[in-house]
PDB file of N, CA and C in Angstrom:
ATOM      1  N   MET A   1       0.843  -1.184   0.000  1.00  0.00           N
ATOM      2  CA  MET A   1       0.000   0.000   0.000  1.00  0.00           C
ATOM      3  C   MET A   1       0.884   1.242   0.000  1.00  0.00           C
ATOM      4  N   LYS A   2       0.570   2.189  -0.848  1.00  0.00           N
ATOM      5  CA  LYS A   2       1.368   3.393  -0.995  1.00  0.00           C
ATOM      6  C   LYS A   2       1.048   4.394   0.109  1.00  0.00           C
ATOM      7  N   GLU A   3       2.100   4.950   0.724  1.00  0.00           N
ATOM      8  CA  GLU A   3       1.922   5.936   1.788  1.00  0.00           C
ATOM      9  C   GLU A   3       1.491   7.270   1.191  1.00  0.00           C
ATOM     10  N   LYS A   4       0.479   7.928   1.794  1.00  0.00           N
ATOM     11  CA  LYS A   4      -0.041   9.190   1.281  1.00  0.00           C
ATOM     12  C   LYS A   4       0.558  10.393   1.983  1.00  0.00           C
ATOM     13  N   ASN A   5       1.201  10.197   3.130  1.00  0.00           N
ATOM     14  CA  ASN A   5       1.793  11.306   3.861  1.00  0.00           C
ATOM     15  C   ASN A   5       3.014  11.829   3.130  1.00  0.00           C
ATOM     16  N   LYS A   6       3.143  13.167   3.105  1.00  0.00           N
ATOM     17  CA  LYS A   6       4.335  13.807   2.560  1.00  0.00           C
ATOM     18  C   LYS A   6       4.871  14.714   3.646  1.00  0.00           C
ATOM     19  N   TYR A   7       6.168  14.675   3.870  1.00  0.00           N
ATOM     20  CA  TYR A   7       6.806  15.493   4.873  1.00  0.00           C
ATOM     21  C   TYR A   7       7.450  16.700   4.216  1.00  0.00           C
ATOM     22  N   TYR A   8       7.508  17.809   4.976  1.00  0.00           N
ATOM     23  CA  TYR A   8       8.111  19.018   4.428  1.00  0.00           C
ATOM     24  C   TYR A   8       9.542  18.760   3.971  1.00  0.00           C
ATOM     25  N   SER A   9      10.282  17.989   4.718  1.00  0.00           N
ATOM     26  CA  SER A   9      11.668  17.692   4.341  1.00  0.00           C
ATOM     27  C   SER A   9      11.741  16.965   2.996  1.00  0.00           C
ATOM     28  N   ASP A  10      10.686  16.263   2.642  1.00  0.00           N
ATOM     29  CA  ASP A  10      10.654  15.551   1.363  1.00  0.00           C
ATOM     30  C   ASP A  10      10.246  16.465   0.204  1.00  0.00           C
ATOM     31  N   ILE A  11       9.420  17.477   0.472  1.00  0.00           N
ATOM     32  CA  ILE A  11       8.881  18.297  -0.614  1.00  0.00           C
ATOM     33  C   ILE A  11       9.491  19.696  -0.699  1.00  0.00           C
ATOM     34  N   GLN A  12      10.414  20.051   0.196  1.00  0.00           N
ATOM     35  CA  GLN A  12      10.941  21.411   0.212  1.00  0.00           C
ATOM     36  C   GLN A  12      11.665  21.798  -1.080  1.00  0.00           C
ATOM     37  N   LYS A  13      12.152  20.835  -1.843  1.00  0.00           N
ATOM     38  CA  LYS A  13      12.825  21.130  -3.106  1.00  0.00           C
ATOM     39  C   LYS A  13      11.908  20.985  -4.318  1.00  0.00           C
ATOM     40  N   PHE A  14      10.639  20.728  -4.080  1.00  0.00           N
ATOM     41  CA  PHE A  14       9.683  20.610  -5.179  1.00  0.00           C
ATOM     42  C   PHE A  14       9.422  21.982  -5.791  1.00  0.00           C
ATOM     43  N   GLU A  15       9.319  22.040  -7.107  1.00  0.00           N
ATOM     44  CA  GLU A  15       9.043  23.295  -7.795  1.00  0.00           C
ATOM     45  C   GLU A  15       7.536  23.552  -7.814  1.00  0.00           C
ATOM     46  N   ILE A  16       7.154  24.808  -7.600  1.00  0.00           N
ATOM     47  CA  ILE A  16       5.742  25.206  -7.596  1.00  0.00           C
ATOM     48  C   ILE A  16       5.405  25.777  -8.962  1.00  0.00           C
ATOM     49  N   ILE A  17       4.364  25.216  -9.589  1.00  0.00           N
ATOM     50  CA  ILE A  17       3.937  25.639 -10.928  1.00  0.00           C
ATOM     51  C   ILE A  17       2.442  25.915 -10.909  1.00  0.00           C
ATOM     52  N   ASN A  18       2.055  27.059 -11.474  1.00  0.00           N
ATOM     53  CA  ASN A  18       0.645  27.413 -11.588  1.00  0.00           C
ATOM     54  C   ASN A  18       0.110  26.872 -12.909  1.00  0.00           C
ATOM     55  N   VAL A  19      -0.810  25.932 -12.839  1.00  0.00           N
ATOM     56  CA  VAL A  19      -1.380  25.309 -14.030  1.00  0.00           C
ATOM     57  C   VAL A  19      -2.248  26.305 -14.813  1.00  0.00           C
ATOM     58  N   ASN A  20      -2.712  27.354 -14.146  1.00  0.00           N
ATOM     59  CA  ASN A  20      -3.582  28.329 -14.785  1.00  0.00           C
ATOM     60  C   ASN A  20      -2.852  29.136 -15.859  1.00  0.00           C
ATOM     61  N   ASP A  21      -1.597  29.549 -15.572  1.00  0.00           N
ATOM     62  CA  ASP A  21      -0.867  30.367 -16.536  1.00  0.00           C
ATOM     63  C   ASP A  21       0.551  29.864 -16.820  1.00  0.00           C
ATOM     64  N   GLY A  22       0.945  28.734 -16.232  1.00  0.00           N
ATOM     65  CA  GLY A  22       2.262  28.163 -16.473  1.00  0.00           C
ATOM     66  C   GLY A  22       3.388  28.836 -15.713  1.00  0.00           C
ATOM     67  N   GLU A  23       3.081  29.786 -14.847  1.00  0.00           N
ATOM     68  CA  GLU A  23       4.098  30.507 -14.073  1.00  0.00           C
ATOM     69  C   GLU A  23       4.819  29.555 -13.120  1.00  0.00           C
ATOM     70  N   LYS A  24       6.148  29.688 -13.044  1.00  0.00           N
ATOM     71  CA  LYS A  24       6.952  28.914 -12.097  1.00  0.00           C
ATOM     72  C   LYS A  24       7.339  29.834 -10.957  1.00  0.00           C
ATOM     73  N   TYR A  25       7.217  29.345  -9.723  1.00  0.00           N
ATOM     74  CA  TYR A  25       7.505  30.145  -8.536  1.00  0.00           C
ATOM     75  C   TYR A  25       8.732  29.671  -7.778  1.00  0.00           C
ATOM     76  N   GLY A  26       9.502  28.774  -8.341  1.00  0.00           N
ATOM     77  CA  GLY A  26      10.684  28.264  -7.658  1.00  0.00           C
ATOM     78  C   GLY A  26      10.332  27.142  -6.704  1.00  0.00           C
ATOM     79  N   CYS A  27      11.272  26.813  -5.858  1.00  0.00           N
ATOM     80  CA  CYS A  27      11.107  25.696  -4.922  1.00  0.00           C
ATOM     81  C   CYS A  27      10.377  26.123  -3.652  1.00  0.00           C
ATOM     82  N   LEU A  28       9.744  25.171  -3.013  1.00  0.00           N
ATOM     83  CA  LEU A  28       8.953  25.423  -1.809  1.00  0.00           C
ATOM     84  C   LEU A  28       9.781  26.039  -0.693  1.00  0.00           C
ATOM     85  N   PHE A  29      11.069  25.679  -0.565  1.00  0.00           N
ATOM     86  CA  PHE A  29      11.864  26.206   0.546  1.00  0.00           C
ATOM     87  C   PHE A  29      12.092  27.713   0.450  1.00  0.00           C
ATOM     88  N   ASN A  30      11.788  28.335  -0.697  1.00  0.00           N
ATOM     89  CA  ASN A  30      11.892  29.789  -0.848  1.00  0.00           C
ATOM     90  C   ASN A  30      10.626  30.507  -0.405  1.00  0.00           C
ATOM     91  N   HIS A  31       9.633  29.774   0.043  1.00  0.00           N
ATOM     92  CA  HIS A  31       8.328  30.332   0.384  1.00  0.00           C
ATOM     93  C   HIS A  31       7.930  29.891   1.792  1.00  0.00           C
ATOM     94  N   ASP A  32       6.747  30.295   2.225  1.00  0.00           N
ATOM     95  CA  ASP A  32       6.285  29.963   3.575  1.00  0.00           C
ATOM     96  C   ASP A  32       4.949  29.236   3.530  1.00  0.00           C
ATOM     97  N   LEU A  33       4.698  28.454   4.568  1.00  0.00           N
ATOM     98  CA  LEU A  33       3.419  27.782   4.760  1.00  0.00           C
ATOM     99  C   LEU A  33       2.754  28.365   5.998  1.00  0.00           C
ATOM    100  N   VAL A  34       1.444  28.554   5.951  1.00  0.00           N
ATOM    101  CA  VAL A  34       0.681  28.992   7.119  1.00  0.00           C
ATOM    102  C   VAL A  34      -0.013  27.757   7.677  1.00  0.00           C
ATOM    103  N   ILE A  35       0.223  27.513   8.963  1.00  0.00           N
ATOM    104  CA  ILE A  35      -0.307  26.321   9.625  1.00  0.00           C
ATOM    105  C   ILE A  35      -1.184  26.778  10.781  1.00  0.00           C
ATOM    106  N   ASP A  36      -2.385  26.195  10.927  1.00  0.00           N
ATOM    107  CA  ASP A  36      -3.281  26.594  12.014  1.00  0.00           C
ATOM    108  C   ASP A  36      -2.872  25.946  13.333  1.00  0.00           C
ATOM    109  N   GLU A  37      -3.622  26.251  14.384  1.00  0.00           N
ATOM    110  CA  GLU A  37      -3.283  25.765  15.724  1.00  0.00           C
ATOM    111  C   GLU A  37      -3.400  24.249  15.869  1.00  0.00           C
ATOM    112  N   HIS A  38      -4.052  23.585  14.913  1.00  0.00           N
ATOM    113  CA  HIS A  38      -4.202  22.128  14.951  1.00  0.00           C
ATOM    114  C   HIS A  38      -3.170  21.416  14.084  1.00  0.00           C
ATOM    115  N   GLY A  39      -2.281  22.189  13.444  1.00  0.00           N
ATOM    116  CA  GLY A  39      -1.249  21.603  12.598  1.00  0.00           C
ATOM    117  C   GLY A  39      -1.671  21.378  11.161  1.00  0.00           C
ATOM    118  N   ASN A  40      -2.826  21.917  10.758  1.00  0.00           N
ATOM    119  CA  ASN A  40      -3.305  21.778   9.385  1.00  0.00           C
ATOM    120  C   ASN A  40      -2.804  22.936   8.530  1.00  0.00           C
ATOM    121  N   PHE A  41      -2.478  22.645   7.277  1.00  0.00           N
ATOM    122  CA  PHE A  41      -2.047  23.691   6.361  1.00  0.00           C
ATOM    123  C   PHE A  41      -3.230  24.558   5.963  1.00  0.00           C
ATOM    124  N   LYS A  42      -3.051  25.882   6.039  1.00  0.00           N
ATOM    125  CA  LYS A  42      -4.106  26.817   5.658  1.00  0.00           C
ATOM    126  C   LYS A  42      -3.817  27.472   4.318  1.00  0.00           C
ATOM    127  N   SER A  43      -2.581  27.900   4.116  1.00  0.00           N
ATOM    128  CA  SER A  43      -2.245  28.576   2.868  1.00  0.00           C
ATOM    129  C   SER A  43      -0.747  28.525   2.612  1.00  0.00           C
ATOM    130  N   LEU A  44      -0.407  28.919   1.422  1.00  0.00           N
ATOM    131  CA  LEU A  44       0.963  28.980   0.963  1.00  0.00           C
ATOM    132  C   LEU A  44       1.273  30.443   0.682  1.00  0.00           C
ATOM    133  N   ILE A  45       2.371  30.953   1.224  1.00  0.00           N
ATOM    134  CA  ILE A  45       2.768  32.340   0.986  1.00  0.00           C
ATOM    135  C   ILE A  45       3.915  32.313  -0.024  1.00  0.00           C
ATOM    136  N   LEU A  46       3.657  32.858  -1.219  1.00  0.00           N
ATOM    137  CA  LEU A  46       4.667  32.905  -2.267  1.00  0.00           C
ATOM    138  C   LEU A  46       5.329  34.268  -2.289  1.00  0.00           C
ATOM    139  N   ASN A  47       6.654  34.288  -2.305  1.00  0.00           N
ATOM    140  CA  ASN A  47       7.381  35.534  -2.489  1.00  0.00           C
ATOM    141  C   ASN A  47       7.151  35.996  -3.913  1.00  0.00           C
ATOM    142  N   ASP A  48       6.729  37.219  -4.092  1.00  0.00           N
ATOM    143  CA  ASP A  48       6.481  37.743  -5.438  1.00  0.00           C
ATOM    144  C   ASP A  48       7.740  38.421  -5.933  1.00  0.00           C
ATOM    145  N   ARG A  49       8.534  37.681  -6.672  1.00  0.00           N
ATOM    146  CA  ARG A  49       9.799  38.215  -7.181  1.00  0.00           C
ATOM    147  C   ARG A  49       9.720  38.501  -8.662  1.00  0.00           C
ATOM    148  N   ARG A  50       8.536  38.555  -9.202  1.00  0.00           N
ATOM    149  CA  ARG A  50       8.415  38.920 -10.607  1.00  0.00           C
ATOM    150  C   ARG A  50       8.651  40.413 -10.721  1.00  0.00           C
ATOM    151  N   GLY A  51       9.140  40.839 -11.810  1.00  0.00           N
ATOM    152  CA  GLY A  51       9.400  42.266 -12.000  1.00  0.00           C
ATOM    153  C   GLY A  51      10.858  42.507 -12.294  1.00  0.00           C
ATOM    154  N   ASN A  52      11.520  43.336 -11.463  1.00  0.00           N
ATOM    155  CA  ASN A  52      12.880  43.733 -11.770  1.00  0.00           C
ATOM    156  C   ASN A  52      13.922  42.695 -11.387  1.00  0.00           C
ATOM    157  N   GLY A  53      13.587  41.681 -10.640  1.00  0.00           N
ATOM    158  CA  GLY A  53      14.522  40.622 -10.291  1.00  0.00           C
ATOM    159  C   GLY A  53      15.467  40.966  -9.164  1.00  0.00           C
ATOM    160  N   LEU A  54      15.340  42.149  -8.586  1.00  0.00           N
ATOM    161  CA  LEU A  54      16.200  42.523  -7.473  1.00  0.00           C
ATOM    162  C   LEU A  54      15.598  42.018  -6.173  1.00  0.00           C
ATOM    163  N   PHE A  55      16.351  41.222  -5.436  1.00  0.00           N
ATOM    164  CA  PHE A  55      15.846  40.609  -4.221  1.00  0.00           C
ATOM    165  C   PHE A  55      16.127  41.438  -2.978  1.00  0.00           C
ATOM    166  N   PHE A  56      16.898  42.508  -3.102  1.00  0.00           N
ATOM    167  CA  PHE A  56      17.298  43.265  -1.934  1.00  0.00           C
ATOM    168  C   PHE A  56      16.592  44.615  -1.825  1.00  0.00           C
ATOM    169  N   LYS A  57      15.488  44.781  -2.506  1.00  0.00           N
ATOM    170  CA  LYS A  57      14.748  46.040  -2.398  1.00  0.00           C
ATOM    171  C   LYS A  57      14.066  46.132  -1.033  1.00  0.00           C
ATOM    172  N   SER A  58      13.657  47.333  -0.652  1.00  0.00           N
ATOM    173  CA  SER A  58      13.140  47.538   0.701  1.00  0.00           C
ATOM    174  C   SER A  58      11.710  47.044   0.879  1.00  0.00           C
ATOM    175  N   ALA A  59      10.940  46.957  -0.170  1.00  0.00           N
ATOM    176  CA  ALA A  59       9.560  46.479  -0.058  1.00  0.00           C
ATOM    177  C   ALA A  59       9.416  45.174  -0.836  1.00  0.00           C
ATOM    178  N   LYS A  60       8.766  44.210  -0.229  1.00  0.00           N
ATOM    179  CA  LYS A  60       8.522  42.930  -0.891  1.00  0.00           C
ATOM    180  C   LYS A  60       7.030  42.676  -0.925  1.00  0.00           C
ATOM    181  N   SER A  61       6.588  42.010  -1.957  1.00  0.00           N
ATOM    182  CA  SER A  61       5.194  41.602  -2.047  1.00  0.00           C
ATOM    183  C   SER A  61       5.124  40.091  -1.929  1.00  0.00           C
ATOM    184  N   PHE A  62       4.069  39.632  -1.331  1.00  0.00           N
ATOM    185  CA  PHE A  62       3.839  38.203  -1.161  1.00  0.00           C
ATOM    186  C   PHE A  62       2.446  37.891  -1.672  1.00  0.00           C
ATOM    187  N   ARG A  63       2.266  36.669  -2.119  1.00  0.00           N
ATOM    188  CA  ARG A  63       0.955  36.199  -2.561  1.00  0.00           C
ATOM    189  C   ARG A  63       0.515  35.086  -1.633  1.00  0.00           C
ATOM    190  N   GLN A  64      -0.662  35.251  -1.036  1.00  0.00           N
ATOM    191  CA  GLN A  64      -1.201  34.213  -0.161  1.00  0.00           C
ATOM    192  C   GLN A  64      -2.138  33.342  -0.981  1.00  0.00           C
ATOM    193  N   ILE A  65      -1.789  32.081  -1.083  1.00  0.00           N
ATOM    194  CA  ILE A  65      -2.539  31.123  -1.897  1.00  0.00           C
ATOM    195  C   ILE A  65      -3.288  30.183  -0.955  1.00  0.00           C
ATOM    196  N   PRO A  66      -4.622  30.155  -1.014  1.00  0.00           N
ATOM    197  CA  PRO A  66      -5.391  29.237  -0.155  1.00  0.00           C
ATOM    198  C   PRO A  66      -5.008  27.782  -0.438  1.00  0.00           C
ATOM    199  N   TRP A  67      -5.013  26.975   0.599  1.00  0.00           N
ATOM    200  CA  TRP A  67      -4.591  25.581   0.467  1.00  0.00           C
ATOM    201  C   TRP A  67      -5.456  24.817  -0.531  1.00  0.00           C
ATOM    202  N   ASN A  68      -6.713  25.200  -0.694  1.00  0.00           N
ATOM    203  CA  ASN A  68      -7.572  24.489  -1.650  1.00  0.00           C
ATOM    204  C   ASN A  68      -7.163  24.739  -3.106  1.00  0.00           C
ATOM    205  N   CYS A  69      -6.254  25.688  -3.359  1.00  0.00           N
ATOM    206  CA  CYS A  69      -5.752  25.929  -4.714  1.00  0.00           C
ATOM    207  C   CYS A  69      -4.596  25.005  -5.068  1.00  0.00           C
ATOM    208  N   ILE A  70      -4.097  24.247  -4.093  1.00  0.00           N
ATOM    209  CA  ILE A  70      -3.048  23.272  -4.375  1.00  0.00           C
ATOM    210  C   ILE A  70      -3.741  22.027  -4.902  1.00  0.00           C
ATOM    211  N   LYS A  71      -3.514  21.748  -6.175  1.00  0.00           N
ATOM    212  CA  LYS A  71      -4.249  20.674  -6.841  1.00  0.00           C
ATOM    213  C   LYS A  71      -3.553  19.326  -6.776  1.00  0.00           C
ATOM    214  N   LYS A  72      -2.205  19.327  -6.789  1.00  0.00           N
ATOM    215  CA  LYS A  72      -1.495  18.049  -6.824  1.00  0.00           C
ATOM    216  C   LYS A  72      -0.077  18.250  -6.317  1.00  0.00           C
ATOM    217  N   ILE A  73       0.358  17.330  -5.487  1.00  0.00           N
ATOM    218  CA  ILE A  73       1.757  17.271  -5.097  1.00  0.00           C
ATOM    219  C   ILE A  73       2.312  16.027  -5.765  1.00  0.00           C
ATOM    220  N   GLY A  74       3.129  16.256  -6.777  1.00  0.00           N
ATOM    221  CA  GLY A  74       3.661  15.156  -7.575  1.00  0.00           C
ATOM    222  C   GLY A  74       4.978  14.647  -7.035  1.00  0.00           C
ATOM    223  N   THR A  75       5.786  14.046  -7.908  1.00  0.00           N
ATOM    224  CA  THR A  75       7.058  13.489  -7.492  1.00  0.00           C
ATOM    225  C   THR A  75       8.154  14.544  -7.396  1.00  0.00           C
ATOM    226  N   LYS A  76       8.017  15.659  -8.140  1.00  0.00           N
ATOM    227  CA  LYS A  76       9.012  16.731  -8.082  1.00  0.00           C
ATOM    228  C   LYS A  76       8.386  18.114  -8.206  1.00  0.00           C
ATOM    229  N   THR A  77       7.068  18.188  -8.285  1.00  0.00           N
ATOM    230  CA  THR A  77       6.397  19.474  -8.455  1.00  0.00           C
ATOM    231  C   THR A  77       5.175  19.583  -7.555  1.00  0.00           C
ATOM    232  N   ILE A  78       4.803  20.824  -7.279  1.00  0.00           N
ATOM    233  CA  ILE A  78       3.552  21.135  -6.597  1.00  0.00           C
ATOM    234  C   ILE A  78       2.745  21.956  -7.583  1.00  0.00           C
ATOM    235  N   ILE A  79       1.594  21.442  -7.980  1.00  0.00           N
ATOM    236  CA  ILE A  79       0.746  22.106  -8.970  1.00  0.00           C
ATOM    237  C   ILE A  79      -0.322  22.901  -8.245  1.00  0.00           C
ATOM    238  N   ILE A  80      -0.371  24.210  -8.548  1.00  0.00           N
ATOM    239  CA  ILE A  80      -1.407  25.065  -7.981  1.00  0.00           C
ATOM    240  C   ILE A  80      -2.263  25.600  -9.124  1.00  0.00           C
ATOM    241  N   ASP A  81      -3.490  25.979  -8.813  1.00  0.00           N
ATOM    242  CA  ASP A  81      -4.404  26.560  -9.796  1.00  0.00           C
ATOM    243  C   ASP A  81      -4.895  27.877  -9.219  1.00  0.00           C
ATOM    244  N   VAL A  82      -4.237  28.963  -9.610  1.00  0.00           N
ATOM    245  CA  VAL A  82      -4.503  30.270  -9.026  1.00  0.00           C
ATOM    246  C   VAL A  82      -4.749  31.289 -10.121  1.00  0.00           C
ATOM    247  N   ASP A  83      -5.775  32.095  -9.909  1.00  0.00           N
ATOM    248  CA  ASP A  83      -5.976  33.271 -10.746  1.00  0.00           C
ATOM    249  C   ASP A  83      -6.071  34.477  -9.821  1.00  0.00           C
ATOM    250  N   ASP A  84      -6.310  35.659 -10.371  1.00  0.00           N
ATOM    251  CA  ASP A  84      -6.328  36.877  -9.558  1.00  0.00           C
ATOM    252  C   ASP A  84      -7.455  36.893  -8.537  1.00  0.00           C
ATOM    253  N   ILE A  85      -8.488  36.102  -8.740  1.00  0.00           N
ATOM    254  CA  ILE A  85      -9.640  36.113  -7.840  1.00  0.00           C
ATOM    255  C   ILE A  85      -9.330  35.411  -6.520  1.00  0.00           C
ATOM    256  N   ASN A  86      -8.626  34.286  -6.559  1.00  0.00           N
ATOM    257  CA  ASN A  86      -8.439  33.501  -5.340  1.00  0.00           C
ATOM    258  C   ASN A  86      -7.066  33.664  -4.697  1.00  0.00           C
ATOM    259  N   GLU A  87      -6.372  34.752  -5.013  1.00  0.00           N
ATOM    260  CA  GLU A  87      -5.133  35.036  -4.309  1.00  0.00           C
ATOM    261  C   GLU A  87      -5.211  36.391  -3.639  1.00  0.00           C
ATOM    262  N   LYS A  88      -4.408  36.563  -2.620  1.00  0.00           N
ATOM    263  CA  LYS A  88      -4.398  37.797  -1.850  1.00  0.00           C
ATOM    264  C   LYS A  88      -2.984  38.345  -1.854  1.00  0.00           C
ATOM    265  N   MET A  89      -2.813  39.612  -2.203  1.00  0.00           N
ATOM    266  CA  MET A  89      -1.501  40.245  -2.185  1.00  0.00           C
ATOM    267  C   MET A  89      -1.234  40.807  -0.794  1.00  0.00           C
ATOM    268  N   ILE A  90      -0.038  40.601  -0.300  1.00  0.00           N
ATOM    269  CA  ILE A  90       0.374  41.084   1.000  1.00  0.00           C
ATOM    270  C   ILE A  90       1.651  41.889   0.787  1.00  0.00           C
ATOM    271  N   ASP A  91       1.685  43.144   1.256  1.00  0.00           N
ATOM    272  CA  ASP A  91       2.894  43.949   1.144  1.00  0.00           C
ATOM    273  C   ASP A  91       3.592  43.974   2.496  1.00  0.00           C
ATOM    274  N   SER A  92       4.901  43.917   2.443  1.00  0.00           N
ATOM    275  CA  SER A  92       5.702  43.950   3.659  1.00  0.00           C
ATOM    276  C   SER A  92       6.830  44.940   3.447  1.00  0.00           C
ATOM    277  N   TYR A  93       7.057  45.789   4.411  1.00  0.00           N
ATOM    278  CA  TYR A  93       8.125  46.765   4.338  1.00  0.00           C
ATOM    279  C   TYR A  93       9.125  46.522   5.446  1.00  0.00           C
ATOM    280  N   TYR A  94      10.407  46.608   5.108  1.00  0.00           N
ATOM    281  CA  TYR A  94      11.479  46.374   6.075  1.00  0.00           C
ATOM    282  C   TYR A  94      12.081  47.682   6.501  1.00  0.00           C
TER     283      TYR A  94
END
């Protein structure tokens, strides 16, 4: 019987791909997971590095992706289905 559990240590190098537009967001270890008080995953926080490509700017944007938008965790990829309606932009200033 095949085990269905996946551990973060096993999937941290998986690449995140949006099936809606083909956008690649890099590996999971470059992003954050939001976990509730019961240990359940709530959402995925993607660093929004599209644009000028400079990672050291003073303001960063993040995209909060609801966990229900994660469609498949494969052998080397995490497939998400996100459009502008079901994502939330979060701005952070340092």
